[in-house]
Each structure stands twice: as structure tokens, then as C-alpha cells.
Amino acid sequence: MAKVCDCFPELKEITEARERRYRTHPEKEAPEGPQSFVEVKVTSIGQLNELVECKKSGYKFLISEPAHVGGQNCAPTPLEFLLSGAIGCYAAVFAFYAAKLGVAYDTFEAVARTEFDARGHMIADAPPSAFRKVTINVQVRSDAPAEKLKEVEHLALAGCPGLSTLRTPVAVESELVVIGTRAEKESVSGASHPLTDSAPALAR
């Protein structure tokens, strides 16, 4: 069975090269610099299912809702993606620091759990619906000194973008564009057709 640390020699080189670039050009956009972005397009496709298209990676996936709220439960929920995305990010950052510091481990497993009040998604004056707290239980199989693994854990918890986003509130801005379906239909039915509209002129 492959070990997580099998990729560490190459990962260490990649990580150190990134660090040199980022320190030299902190203002540049990725991959040359550290300034990065995430952009997704979410399209409702019915029955509380959403199609997600990721601009950077090009991947597509589905999000669904549980049956008890009216969904089909045919894919993970939005909050399962949110939490697993943050923990997946943490696992990668853990590996970045471990490779950089020469701390090898065979396996990594993290179980994350959170609780929240769901009333806010349908009751206007409900309590806040944000996660109350996230607990992460990490199990690592390794012969490395425990203090070195604790150092990696500390650095990863502090530096992970996913966990930092959960930990620190960010501004959320929304712009709503309304496209009237009636006006669209009238525009289509009343549109001019060059060939047919010009036929009488041609006949004269």
C-alpha cells in the first residue's frame, strides 16, 4: 500500500520552489505568485439539485439536499461539500508542511463534525445558521517524533485557507439580475425576420 509520504521528496521541491516565487513576487497571480482565486458557477437543475462548474479546474459535480427537506439525496449536501473542502484543504497543507520539514507519515485520516441551527433557511427571524464550532479528530500513522507532528499540525491549522475562511468572517456581496420571461417571449415572437420581412419589397 502506498504511503502518503511517498510523494514528499517531489512535493518538498515543488513547495520550496513555490515559496521562493511567492517571497520574490508576493503581488503576482498564481501560479507565478500567491494571489489566487476560486470561481464556481452553480445552476439549479430542479428538485433542489445544483450543477457546479469549477472555472479553474474544469470539473463539474452535483450538489443535492436531503429527502426530509424536499430534496432527492442523490449527491452530497452543500454543507458536506463546504466542510469536506475545508478539511481536504487542511490535509493538503498538512502534507506541504510535513514535506517541507521532513516529517514522514504513512496515513492521514481526519474526521470533522459541526453543528448548526437549520431554521434560518426557511424562517426569517431565526437564530444565526452558521456553524457553531468545527471539531477535527486527526489520526496519523507515523514513526516521526510526536513534537514534530504537533508542529506540522499547528502550522497547518494556522495556514490552511479553507480553515481560515471558516474561522474568519468574510464579506459576502450579492448582485441579483432579474430576466423577465414574459418580455423574452414577446421579444422572440415579435422579432423581425430579414428574409420574410423583405419579401414584399422584393416582389414590388
Foldseek 3Di string as FASTA:
>chain_A
DFFPCPCLVVLLVVLVVQVVQQVVCVPDEPPSYDNYDWDWDWDDDDQQKIWIATDPPRDIDIAWDDVVVRHDPPDHHPVVCLVVVQVVLLVVQLSSVCSNVVFGFGDKDKDKDWDFDPPVVPDPPDDDGATPDMDIDMDTHGPGDPVVSVVSNVCSCVPRPSNVPSVDDDDDDDDDDDDDPVVVVVCVVPPDDVVVVCVVVVVD
